[in-house]
Amino acid sequence: MYLNIYQIDAFAEKAFEGNPAAVIPLDSWLPDDLMQQIAEENNLSETAFYIPDGDGFQIRWFTPGVEVDLCGHATLATAHVIFQHEGFSGKLIKFVSPRSGVLEVELEVDGQMTLNFPTDKIQQLDIKEDVIPGFSIRPKELWRGLSDYILVYDDQSKIQNMTVDLNELAKVDTRGFIITAPGDQVDFVSRWFGPRVGVNEDPVTGSAHTSLTPLWTEKLNKNDLTAIQLSRRTGKLSCKMLGERVKISGRAVTFMVGKVEI
């Protein structure tokens, strides 16, 4: 059996920027363990699989280690594949995730794509000493979303200069950690670490911005925000707070088209 596979750089203006994701179209779901093995073999932060579902699609995402509840950059990459490679003629794609519900992606006039995702539920916590030992700089605030801890700092340079102990981070029972601060040229910057799920540092994490958008909307008192994830590859995002939903916009670029032999 042969499967089409695409490798897409999401939240990128050109190849080798943003966050690479693998995308595999299917007619029906493969066994879970086989999809996990394919994701492990791809060794990217996420591999997305999708199947037709009425006039839309169902979607699932796998890191090299686990299936995850939500992934923004791989959803953007999947939409890029459907719009650019799989003959979809519309401007709005409706995805249904078994774990996250309805997710929409709209193709804008300027070529950007806009994700419409549920807003994360975040709450501020007292700083827990058992959560922060893996970070070289102590945060100003600690927050918790449904999937990640969020460490807030007061300066972009602290995000850029942060060193982490991945072994310490992997001891904490969480999908991942977001570190964030006001940006020098954008509203906010961030980085994301998830060694417990097989992703030491993610280049650009769309799902993290469902947590960061309500956080910085409250702090900056504005609904339209610009953001950069300060990984080595970097990624640029535009975010808009819409109450229970958040819009996250970016571009994607095709890097590779091929086939998987099973």
Protein backbone atom coordinates (compact mmCIF):
# COMPACT_ATOMS: atom_id res chain seq x y z
CA MET A 1 0.00 0.00 0.00
CA TYR A 2 1.23 3.45 -0.91
CA LEU A 3 0.15 6.68 0.80
CA ASN A 4 0.76 10.23 -0.35
CA ILE A 5 2.85 12.28 2.07
CA TYR A 6 3.58 15.98 2.11
CA GLN A 7 6.08 17.88 4.22
CA ILE A 8 4.98 21.46 4.77
CA ASP A 9 6.70 24.37 6.51
CA ALA A 10 3.89 26.08 8.46
CA PHE A 11 3.89 29.66 9.72
CA ALA A 12 6.65 30.29 7.19
CA GLU A 13 7.23 32.78 4.39
CA LYS A 14 9.69 30.45 2.65
CA ALA A 15 11.15 26.95 2.99
CA PHE A 16 13.34 26.21 6.01
CA GLU A 17 11.39 28.65 8.20
CA GLY A 18 8.47 28.00 10.52
CA ASN A 19 7.54 24.53 11.72
CA PRO A 20 7.70 21.47 9.44
CA ALA A 21 4.80 19.02 9.59
CA ALA A 22 4.05 15.85 7.67
CA VAL A 23 0.55 15.48 6.23
CA ILE A 24 -0.91 12.16 5.06
CA PRO A 25 -4.35 12.01 3.35
CA LEU A 26 -6.31 8.81 4.02
CA ASP A 27 -9.59 7.30 2.83
CA SER A 28 -10.19 5.81 6.28
CA TRP A 29 -8.24 5.65 9.53
CA LEU A 30 -5.25 3.34 9.80
CA PRO A 31 -4.74 1.45 13.07
CA ASP A 32 -3.61 3.82 15.82
CA ASP A 33 -0.32 2.01 16.38
CA LEU A 34 0.53 2.24 12.67
CA MET A 35 -0.13 5.98 12.57
CA GLN A 36 2.07 6.35 15.66
CA GLN A 37 4.85 4.35 13.98
CA ILE A 38 4.64 6.53 10.86
CA ALA A 39 4.89 9.67 13.01
CA GLU A 40 7.89 8.22 14.84
CA GLU A 41 9.54 7.39 11.50
CA ASN A 42 8.89 10.91 10.19
CA ASN A 43 10.51 12.31 13.36
CA LEU A 44 8.87 15.72 12.99
CA SER A 45 7.13 17.47 15.86
CA GLU A 46 3.81 16.49 14.28
CA THR A 47 2.36 14.25 11.60
CA ALA A 48 -1.25 14.99 10.66
CA PHE A 49 -3.63 12.41 9.17
CA TYR A 50 -7.01 13.33 7.73
CA ILE A 51 -10.01 11.59 6.14
CA PRO A 52 -13.06 12.91 4.23
CA ASP A 53 -16.13 13.58 6.40
CA GLY A 54 -19.18 14.86 4.50
CA ASP A 55 -18.27 18.26 3.08
CA GLY A 56 -15.30 18.53 5.46
CA PHE A 57 -12.60 16.38 7.02
CA GLN A 58 -11.66 14.62 10.24
CA ILE A 59 -8.11 15.26 11.48
CA ARG A 60 -5.71 13.71 14.02
CA TRP A 61 -2.17 14.63 15.05
CA PHE A 62 0.75 12.52 16.31
CA THR A 63 4.12 13.55 17.72
CA PRO A 64 6.91 10.95 17.54
CA GLY A 65 5.72 9.80 20.96
CA VAL A 66 1.96 10.33 21.40
CA GLU A 67 -1.30 11.40 19.82
CA VAL A 68 -2.15 14.96 20.89
CA ASP A 69 -5.41 16.83 21.46
CA LEU A 70 -4.67 19.84 19.27
CA CYS A 71 -1.96 21.04 16.88
CA GLY A 72 -2.10 24.38 15.13
CA HIS A 73 0.85 24.24 12.75
CA ALA A 74 -0.03 20.74 11.45
CA THR A 75 -3.63 21.88 10.91
CA LEU A 76 -2.34 24.87 8.92
CA ALA A 77 -0.09 22.47 6.97
CA THR A 78 -3.03 20.13 6.30
CA ALA A 79 -5.17 23.00 5.03
CA HIS A 80 -2.31 24.04 2.73
CA VAL A 81 -2.20 20.50 1.30
CA ILE A 82 -5.97 20.42 0.74
CA PHE A 83 -6.05 23.89 -0.83
CA GLN A 84 -2.90 23.56 -2.96
CA HIS A 85 -2.46 19.85 -3.73
CA GLU A 86 -5.68 17.89 -3.26
CA GLY A 87 -8.08 19.77 -5.55
CA PHE A 88 -10.25 21.54 -2.96
CA SER A 89 -12.02 24.46 -4.66
CA GLY A 90 -13.55 26.23 -1.65
CA LYS A 91 -12.10 28.93 0.60
CA LEU A 92 -13.14 27.47 3.96
CA ILE A 93 -12.20 24.03 5.30
CA LYS A 94 -14.11 22.52 8.20
CA PHE A 95 -12.15 19.98 10.25
CA VAL A 96 -13.56 17.87 13.05
CA SER A 97 -11.13 16.57 15.65
CA PRO A 98 -12.25 13.67 17.86
CA ARG A 99 -10.42 15.44 20.71
CA SER A 100 -10.95 19.17 20.04
CA GLY A 101 -14.21 19.52 18.13
CA VAL A 102 -14.77 21.80 15.14
CA LEU A 103 -11.74 23.61 13.69
CA GLU A 104 -11.95 25.86 10.64
CA VAL A 105 -9.30 27.19 8.26
CA GLU A 106 -10.06 30.03 5.86
CA LEU A 107 -7.95 30.94 2.82
CA GLU A 108 -7.56 34.71 2.77
CA VAL A 109 -7.30 36.92 -0.32
CA ASP A 110 -3.62 37.61 0.38
CA GLY A 111 -2.76 33.88 0.54
CA GLN A 112 -2.59 33.64 4.31
CA MET A 113 -4.65 30.99 6.05
CA THR A 114 -6.56 31.66 9.25
CA LEU A 115 -7.20 29.00 11.87
CA ASN A 116 -10.37 29.32 13.95
CA PHE A 117 -9.75 27.38 17.18
CA PRO A 118 -11.36 27.20 20.63
CA THR A 119 -9.76 29.52 23.18
CA ASP A 120 -7.80 27.76 25.90
CA LYS A 121 -8.92 28.02 29.51
CA ILE A 122 -6.01 29.54 31.44
CA GLN A 123 -5.59 30.41 35.12
CA GLN A 124 -2.81 32.07 37.08
CA LEU A 125 -1.06 29.99 39.74
CA ASP A 126 1.36 30.64 42.55
CA ILE A 127 4.86 29.93 41.24
CA LYS A 128 5.53 26.26 41.98
CA GLU A 129 9.12 25.39 42.68
CA ASP A 130 8.64 21.86 41.31
CA VAL A 131 7.56 23.27 37.92
CA ILE A 132 10.35 25.78 37.19
CA PRO A 133 13.71 24.08 38.04
CA GLY A 134 14.35 23.31 34.37
CA PHE A 135 14.56 27.00 33.45
CA SER A 136 17.66 29.16 33.89
CA ILE A 137 15.63 32.32 34.66
CA ARG A 138 12.84 32.53 37.22
CA PRO A 139 9.49 33.66 35.75
CA LYS A 140 7.52 36.70 36.87
CA GLU A 141 4.22 34.76 36.66
CA LEU A 142 3.06 31.16 36.25
CA TRP A 143 -0.16 30.22 34.44
CA ARG A 144 -1.74 26.91 33.51
CA GLY A 145 -3.77 26.02 30.43
CA LEU A 146 -5.50 22.75 29.64
CA SER A 147 -2.29 21.26 28.22
CA ASP A 148 0.69 23.49 29.10
CA TYR A 149 2.29 25.56 31.82
CA ILE A 150 2.90 29.20 30.81
CA LEU A 151 5.87 31.08 32.28
CA VAL A 152 5.63 34.85 31.85
CA TYR A 153 8.66 37.17 31.74
CA ASP A 154 9.04 40.92 31.38
CA ASP A 155 11.58 41.13 28.56
CA GLN A 156 12.15 39.46 25.16
CA SER A 157 15.86 38.98 25.89
CA LYS A 158 15.00 36.56 28.69
CA ILE A 159 13.12 34.36 26.22
CA GLN A 160 15.98 34.51 23.73
CA ASN A 161 18.64 33.77 26.35
CA MET A 162 16.78 31.04 28.22
CA THR A 163 18.53 27.72 28.69
CA VAL A 164 16.55 24.68 29.79
CA ASP A 165 17.24 21.34 31.43
CA LEU A 166 15.13 18.94 29.38
CA ASN A 167 15.52 16.15 31.94
CA GLU A 168 13.97 18.38 34.60
CA LEU A 169 11.15 19.45 32.28
CA ALA A 170 10.34 15.83 31.44
CA LYS A 171 9.69 15.12 35.15
CA VAL A 172 6.68 17.44 35.20
CA ASP A 173 3.29 15.94 34.30
CA THR A 174 2.32 18.24 31.44
CA ARG A 175 2.25 18.25 27.65
CA GLY A 176 4.63 21.18 27.52
CA PHE A 177 5.87 24.57 28.69
CA ILE A 178 5.37 27.96 27.06
CA ILE A 179 7.70 30.81 27.97
CA THR A 180 6.58 34.26 26.85
CA ALA A 181 7.26 37.99 27.18
CA PRO A 182 6.37 41.29 25.48
CA GLY A 183 8.11 41.58 22.10
CA ASP A 184 10.46 44.27 20.90
CA GLN A 185 8.85 44.53 17.44
CA VAL A 186 5.67 42.49 17.99
CA ASP A 187 3.13 42.30 20.77
CA PHE A 188 4.57 39.15 22.32
CA VAL A 189 7.18 36.44 21.79
CA SER A 190 7.36 32.86 22.99
CA ARG A 191 9.12 29.49 22.94
CA TRP A 192 7.65 26.02 23.59
CA PHE A 193 9.24 22.90 25.09
CA GLY A 194 7.68 19.41 25.32
CA PRO A 195 10.24 16.68 26.02
CA ARG A 196 7.59 14.55 27.74
CA VAL A 197 5.76 14.14 24.39
CA GLY A 198 8.90 13.72 22.29
CA VAL A 199 9.39 17.36 21.18
CA ASN A 200 12.32 19.05 22.92
CA GLU A 201 11.65 22.50 21.42
CA ASP A 202 8.92 23.10 18.88
CA PRO A 203 9.76 25.64 16.15
CA VAL A 204 6.26 27.19 16.02
CA THR A 205 3.34 26.01 18.15
CA GLY A 206 -0.06 27.12 16.88
CA SER A 207 -1.98 25.50 19.74
CA ALA A 208 0.12 27.44 22.28
CA HIS A 209 -1.32 30.63 20.83
CA THR A 210 -4.81 29.57 21.91
CA SER A 211 -3.37 30.11 25.42
CA LEU A 212 -1.15 33.09 24.64
CA THR A 213 -3.81 35.11 22.82
CA PRO A 214 -6.20 35.41 25.81
CA LEU A 215 -3.22 36.02 28.11
CA TRP A 216 -1.81 38.92 26.10
CA THR A 217 -5.24 40.25 25.15
CA GLU A 218 -5.85 40.77 28.86
CA LYS A 219 -2.40 42.19 29.57
CA LEU A 220 -2.24 44.55 26.58
CA ASN A 221 -5.97 45.35 26.37
CA LYS A 222 -6.13 44.66 22.63
CA ASN A 223 -7.78 41.90 20.58
CA ASP A 224 -5.52 41.95 17.49
CA LEU A 225 -1.99 40.78 18.27
CA THR A 226 1.24 40.04 16.42
CA ALA A 227 3.60 37.33 17.61
CA ILE A 228 6.92 35.62 16.91
CA GLN A 229 8.01 32.24 18.25
CA LEU A 230 11.72 32.60 18.90
CA SER A 231 12.96 29.14 17.95
CA ARG A 232 16.00 28.75 15.73
CA ARG A 233 13.73 28.62 12.66
CA THR A 234 11.31 31.29 14.00
CA GLY A 235 7.69 31.70 12.99
CA LYS A 236 5.39 34.69 12.55
CA LEU A 237 1.72 34.68 13.56
CA SER A 238 -1.20 37.09 13.71
CA CYS A 239 -3.75 36.40 16.46
CA LYS A 240 -7.25 37.73 17.12
CA MET A 241 -9.30 37.16 20.25
CA LEU A 242 -12.97 36.35 19.61
CA GLY A 243 -14.30 35.42 23.04
CA GLU A 244 -14.60 31.63 23.08
CA ARG A 245 -12.63 31.34 19.82
CA VAL A 246 -9.28 32.62 18.63
CA LYS A 247 -8.09 33.26 15.08
CA ILE A 248 -4.45 32.51 14.23
CA SER A 249 -3.12 33.43 10.79
CA GLY A 250 0.01 32.48 8.88
CA ARG A 251 1.43 31.13 5.65
CA ALA A 252 2.75 27.73 4.63
CA VAL A 253 5.20 26.44 2.02
CA THR A 254 5.50 22.98 0.44
CA PHE A 255 8.93 21.43 0.99
CA MET A 256 8.43 17.84 -0.15
CA VAL A 257 5.88 15.60 -1.89
CA GLY A 258 6.35 11.84 -1.79
CA LYS A 259 4.90 8.41 -0.97
CA VAL A 260 4.94 6.13 2.04
CA GLU A 261 5.13 2.38 1.35
CA ILE A 262 3.39 0.25 4.00
